[in-house]
Amino acid sequence: GAPGEAALAPPAIFPLLFLKAVRRTLGGIPNGGVLAKYDLQFGAPLQTGGEVEIEVSIADKYVRRDRPFVVVRFAIDDADGERALTGLKTIMWPTGPGEG
């Protein structure tokens, strides 16, 4: 098809916004970190070219089979404060507590 302008942001934008927010708030996912699980709840569509607000927090940390996991909670709102996405992403951390 011919290139054109879209009014709504595609769903693929949400992982990118998540990664940018995690880098700014938590310093990013360390090398060797693996996305183990995610749960996304979609809300209002995002308009292209608009501002967004992203909240990021640690929801849980645990060890399973000697591997550390971190659960990151996040929410993305549009410029009007309407919720576009909430989610949890579980990341298998590359090192255990107190290790490099």
N, C-alpha and C. Protein backbone atom coordinates (compact mmCIF):
# COMPACT_ATOMS: atom_id res chain seq x y z
N GLY A 1 0.79 -1.17 0.00
CA GLY A 1 0.00 0.00 0.00
C GLY A 1 0.84 1.25 0.00
N ALA A 2 0.21 2.34 -0.23
CA ALA A 2 0.88 3.64 -0.26
C ALA A 2 1.09 4.13 1.17
N PRO A 3 2.24 4.78 1.42
CA PRO A 3 2.45 5.36 2.76
C PRO A 3 1.43 6.45 3.04
N GLY A 4 1.09 6.58 4.30
CA GLY A 4 0.14 7.61 4.69
C GLY A 4 0.23 7.86 6.18
N GLU A 5 -0.54 8.80 6.64
CA GLU A 5 -0.55 9.14 8.06
C GLU A 5 -1.66 8.35 8.75
N ALA A 6 -1.35 7.87 9.94
CA ALA A 6 -2.34 7.14 10.73
C ALA A 6 -2.83 8.03 11.87
N ALA A 7 -4.10 7.91 12.19
CA ALA A 7 -4.67 8.70 13.29
C ALA A 7 -4.41 8.04 14.64
N LEU A 8 -4.32 6.70 14.66
CA LEU A 8 -4.12 5.96 15.90
C LEU A 8 -2.78 5.25 15.88
N ALA A 9 -2.13 5.22 17.04
CA ALA A 9 -0.86 4.52 17.17
C ALA A 9 -1.10 3.01 17.13
N PRO A 10 -0.24 2.25 16.46
CA PRO A 10 -0.42 0.80 16.43
C PRO A 10 -0.06 0.18 17.78
N PRO A 11 -0.60 -1.00 18.08
CA PRO A 11 -0.29 -1.66 19.35
C PRO A 11 1.20 -1.91 19.57
N ALA A 12 1.97 -2.01 18.49
CA ALA A 12 3.41 -2.25 18.61
C ALA A 12 4.14 -1.10 19.31
N ILE A 13 3.50 0.05 19.46
CA ILE A 13 4.15 1.17 20.14
C ILE A 13 4.29 0.93 21.64
N PHE A 14 3.40 0.11 22.23
CA PHE A 14 3.40 -0.07 23.68
C PHE A 14 4.70 -0.71 24.21
N PRO A 15 5.22 -1.77 23.57
CA PRO A 15 6.51 -2.30 24.06
C PRO A 15 7.64 -1.27 24.00
N LEU A 16 7.64 -0.44 22.98
CA LEU A 16 8.68 0.59 22.88
C LEU A 16 8.54 1.62 23.99
N LEU A 17 7.31 2.06 24.26
CA LEU A 17 7.10 3.01 25.35
C LEU A 17 7.49 2.39 26.69
N PHE A 18 7.16 1.11 26.89
CA PHE A 18 7.54 0.41 28.12
C PHE A 18 9.05 0.40 28.29
N LEU A 19 9.78 0.02 27.24
CA LEU A 19 11.24 -0.06 27.34
C LEU A 19 11.87 1.30 27.61
N LYS A 20 11.36 2.35 26.98
CA LYS A 20 11.88 3.69 27.24
C LYS A 20 11.64 4.09 28.69
N ALA A 21 10.44 3.80 29.20
CA ALA A 21 10.12 4.16 30.58
C ALA A 21 10.97 3.36 31.57
N VAL A 22 11.19 2.09 31.30
CA VAL A 22 12.02 1.26 32.19
C VAL A 22 13.46 1.76 32.18
N ARG A 23 13.95 2.17 31.03
CA ARG A 23 15.32 2.70 30.96
C ARG A 23 15.44 3.98 31.78
N ARG A 24 14.44 4.86 31.69
CA ARG A 24 14.49 6.13 32.43
C ARG A 24 14.32 5.94 33.93
N THR A 25 13.44 5.03 34.34
CA THR A 25 13.14 4.91 35.76
C THR A 25 13.98 3.88 36.50
N LEU A 26 14.31 2.78 35.83
CA LEU A 26 15.03 1.69 36.50
C LEU A 26 16.42 1.43 35.92
N GLY A 27 16.83 2.24 34.96
CA GLY A 27 18.13 2.03 34.34
C GLY A 27 18.11 0.96 33.26
N GLY A 28 16.94 0.48 32.91
CA GLY A 28 16.80 -0.51 31.85
C GLY A 28 16.83 -1.93 32.36
N ILE A 29 16.67 -2.86 31.45
CA ILE A 29 16.77 -4.28 31.75
C ILE A 29 18.22 -4.67 31.53
N PRO A 30 18.86 -5.29 32.51
CA PRO A 30 20.28 -5.61 32.34
C PRO A 30 20.51 -6.63 31.23
N ASN A 31 21.72 -6.60 30.66
CA ASN A 31 22.09 -7.58 29.65
C ASN A 31 21.86 -8.98 30.18
N GLY A 32 21.25 -9.81 29.39
CA GLY A 32 20.95 -11.17 29.82
C GLY A 32 19.58 -11.33 30.44
N GLY A 33 18.86 -10.22 30.66
CA GLY A 33 17.50 -10.30 31.18
C GLY A 33 16.58 -10.87 30.10
N VAL A 34 15.58 -11.63 30.51
CA VAL A 34 14.68 -12.29 29.56
C VAL A 34 13.24 -12.00 29.96
N LEU A 35 12.42 -11.60 29.00
CA LEU A 35 11.00 -11.42 29.25
C LEU A 35 10.38 -12.80 29.41
N ALA A 36 9.88 -13.10 30.61
CA ALA A 36 9.35 -14.43 30.90
C ALA A 36 7.84 -14.50 30.72
N LYS A 37 7.15 -13.38 30.99
CA LYS A 37 5.69 -13.39 30.93
C LYS A 37 5.20 -11.95 30.90
N TYR A 38 4.04 -11.75 30.28
CA TYR A 38 3.43 -10.42 30.33
C TYR A 38 1.92 -10.54 30.30
N ASP A 39 1.27 -9.52 30.84
CA ASP A 39 -0.18 -9.43 30.87
C ASP A 39 -0.53 -7.99 30.55
N LEU A 40 -1.24 -7.76 29.47
CA LEU A 40 -1.59 -6.41 29.03
C LEU A 40 -3.10 -6.25 29.01
N GLN A 41 -3.56 -5.10 29.48
CA GLN A 41 -4.98 -4.75 29.44
C GLN A 41 -5.10 -3.45 28.65
N PHE A 42 -5.66 -3.54 27.46
CA PHE A 42 -5.77 -2.38 26.59
C PHE A 42 -7.00 -1.55 26.95
N GLY A 43 -6.84 -0.23 26.85
CA GLY A 43 -7.92 0.70 27.10
C GLY A 43 -8.17 1.54 25.86
N ALA A 44 -8.20 2.84 26.05
CA ALA A 44 -8.46 3.76 24.95
C ALA A 44 -7.30 3.76 23.95
N PRO A 45 -7.59 3.89 22.66
CA PRO A 45 -6.51 3.96 21.67
C PRO A 45 -5.73 5.26 21.83
N LEU A 46 -4.45 5.21 21.47
CA LEU A 46 -3.60 6.40 21.52
C LEU A 46 -3.63 7.11 20.17
N GLN A 47 -3.77 8.42 20.21
CA GLN A 47 -3.68 9.22 19.00
C GLN A 47 -2.21 9.37 18.63
N THR A 48 -1.89 9.37 17.35
CA THR A 48 -0.50 9.58 16.94
C THR A 48 -0.12 11.03 17.20
N GLY A 49 1.13 11.24 17.53
CA GLY A 49 1.65 12.58 17.74
C GLY A 49 1.30 13.20 19.08
N GLY A 50 0.58 12.48 19.94
CA GLY A 50 0.19 13.02 21.22
C GLY A 50 1.20 12.71 22.32
N GLU A 51 1.04 13.38 23.43
CA GLU A 51 1.88 13.14 24.61
C GLU A 51 1.30 11.97 25.40
N VAL A 52 2.17 11.27 26.12
CA VAL A 52 1.73 10.18 26.99
C VAL A 52 2.40 10.33 28.34
N GLU A 53 1.78 9.76 29.35
CA GLU A 53 2.38 9.68 30.68
C GLU A 53 2.46 8.20 31.04
N ILE A 54 3.64 7.80 31.52
CA ILE A 54 3.86 6.39 31.83
C ILE A 54 4.29 6.26 33.28
N GLU A 55 3.61 5.40 34.02
CA GLU A 55 3.98 5.07 35.40
C GLU A 55 4.62 3.69 35.40
N VAL A 56 5.74 3.57 36.11
CA VAL A 56 6.45 2.29 36.20
C VAL A 56 6.78 2.03 37.67
N SER A 57 6.54 0.80 38.13
CA SER A 57 6.91 0.43 39.49
C SER A 57 7.22 -1.06 39.54
N ILE A 58 7.91 -1.45 40.58
CA ILE A 58 8.19 -2.87 40.81
C ILE A 58 7.02 -3.44 41.60
N ALA A 59 6.36 -4.44 41.05
CA ALA A 59 5.21 -5.05 41.70
C ALA A 59 5.62 -6.22 42.58
N ASP A 60 6.70 -6.91 42.20
CA ASP A 60 7.11 -8.09 42.95
C ASP A 60 8.52 -8.49 42.54
N LYS A 61 9.20 -9.17 43.44
CA LYS A 61 10.49 -9.80 43.16
C LYS A 61 10.45 -11.17 43.83
N TYR A 62 10.94 -12.18 43.13
CA TYR A 62 10.96 -13.52 43.71
C TYR A 62 12.03 -14.37 43.02
N VAL A 63 12.33 -15.50 43.63
CA VAL A 63 13.30 -16.45 43.07
C VAL A 63 12.57 -17.76 42.84
N ARG A 64 12.74 -18.31 41.66
CA ARG A 64 12.16 -19.61 41.32
C ARG A 64 13.23 -20.42 40.60
N ARG A 65 13.46 -21.63 41.09
CA ARG A 65 14.50 -22.51 40.53
C ARG A 65 15.85 -21.79 40.46
N ASP A 66 16.19 -21.11 41.54
CA ASP A 66 17.45 -20.38 41.68
C ASP A 66 17.62 -19.24 40.67
N ARG A 67 16.53 -18.79 40.08
CA ARG A 67 16.59 -17.68 39.14
C ARG A 67 15.77 -16.51 39.70
N PRO A 68 16.36 -15.32 39.71
CA PRO A 68 15.61 -14.15 40.20
C PRO A 68 14.66 -13.61 39.12
N PHE A 69 13.46 -13.22 39.54
CA PHE A 69 12.47 -12.62 38.66
C PHE A 69 12.03 -11.29 39.25
N VAL A 70 11.74 -10.34 38.37
CA VAL A 70 11.22 -9.03 38.76
C VAL A 70 9.95 -8.79 37.95
N VAL A 71 8.88 -8.42 38.65
CA VAL A 71 7.61 -8.11 37.99
C VAL A 71 7.48 -6.58 37.96
N VAL A 72 7.39 -6.03 36.75
CA VAL A 72 7.28 -4.59 36.56
C VAL A 72 5.84 -4.26 36.20
N ARG A 73 5.24 -3.35 36.97
CA ARG A 73 3.88 -2.88 36.70
C ARG A 73 4.00 -1.54 35.97
N PHE A 74 3.17 -1.34 34.97
CA PHE A 74 3.20 -0.06 34.26
C PHE A 74 1.81 0.31 33.76
N ALA A 75 1.64 1.60 33.55
CA ALA A 75 0.38 2.14 33.03
C ALA A 75 0.73 3.28 32.08
N ILE A 76 0.00 3.34 30.98
CA ILE A 76 0.21 4.39 29.98
C ILE A 76 -1.10 5.15 29.80
N ASP A 77 -1.04 6.47 29.98
CA ASP A 77 -2.20 7.35 29.82
C ASP A 77 -1.96 8.31 28.66
N ASP A 78 -3.03 8.71 27.98
CA ASP A 78 -2.89 9.70 26.92
C ASP A 78 -2.83 11.10 27.52
N ALA A 79 -2.75 12.10 26.67
CA ALA A 79 -2.61 13.49 27.14
C ALA A 79 -3.80 13.96 27.96
N ASP A 80 -4.95 13.35 27.77
CA ASP A 80 -6.15 13.72 28.53
C ASP A 80 -6.29 12.92 29.83
N GLY A 81 -5.31 12.06 30.12
CA GLY A 81 -5.35 11.26 31.33
C GLY A 81 -6.16 9.98 31.19
N GLU A 82 -6.58 9.67 29.98
CA GLU A 82 -7.35 8.44 29.78
C GLU A 82 -6.38 7.26 29.65
N ARG A 83 -6.68 6.19 30.36
CA ARG A 83 -5.82 5.01 30.40
C ARG A 83 -5.84 4.27 29.07
N ALA A 84 -4.65 4.12 28.46
CA ALA A 84 -4.52 3.41 27.20
C ALA A 84 -4.07 1.97 27.41
N LEU A 85 -3.30 1.73 28.49
CA LEU A 85 -2.78 0.39 28.72
C LEU A 85 -2.34 0.24 30.17
N THR A 86 -2.59 -0.91 30.73
CA THR A 86 -1.98 -1.30 32.00
C THR A 86 -1.37 -2.67 31.77
N GLY A 87 -0.34 -2.97 32.51
CA GLY A 87 0.27 -4.26 32.30
C GLY A 87 1.27 -4.64 33.37
N LEU A 88 1.60 -5.91 33.34
CA LEU A 88 2.66 -6.48 34.17
C LEU A 88 3.60 -7.23 33.23
N LYS A 89 4.88 -7.02 33.41
CA LYS A 89 5.88 -7.78 32.66
C LYS A 89 6.81 -8.44 33.67
N THR A 90 6.97 -9.74 33.54
CA THR A 90 7.86 -10.49 34.42
C THR A 90 9.15 -10.74 33.68
N ILE A 91 10.24 -10.30 34.30
CA ILE A 91 11.57 -10.39 33.68
C ILE A 91 12.45 -11.30 34.52
N MET A 92 13.05 -12.30 33.87
CA MET A 92 14.03 -13.13 34.55
C MET A 92 15.34 -12.35 34.54
N TRP A 93 15.80 -11.99 35.73
CA TRP A 93 17.00 -11.19 35.89
C TRP A 93 18.22 -12.07 35.66
N PRO A 94 19.31 -11.55 35.12
CA PRO A 94 20.46 -12.39 34.79
C PRO A 94 21.31 -12.80 35.98
N THR A 95 21.16 -12.14 37.12
CA THR A 95 21.99 -12.48 38.29
C THR A 95 21.11 -12.59 39.51
N GLY A 96 21.61 -13.28 40.50
CA GLY A 96 20.88 -13.41 41.76
C GLY A 96 21.16 -12.26 42.68
N PRO A 97 20.47 -12.20 43.80
CA PRO A 97 20.69 -11.14 44.77
C PRO A 97 22.14 -11.11 45.24
N GLY A 98 22.72 -9.94 45.19
CA GLY A 98 24.10 -9.77 45.65
C GLY A 98 25.17 -10.17 44.65
N GLU A 99 24.75 -10.68 43.48
CA GLU A 99 25.73 -11.06 42.46
C GLU A 99 25.92 -9.90 41.50
N GLY A 100 27.04 -9.90 40.77
CA GLY A 100 27.41 -8.89 39.80
C GLY A 100 26.30 -8.33 39.08
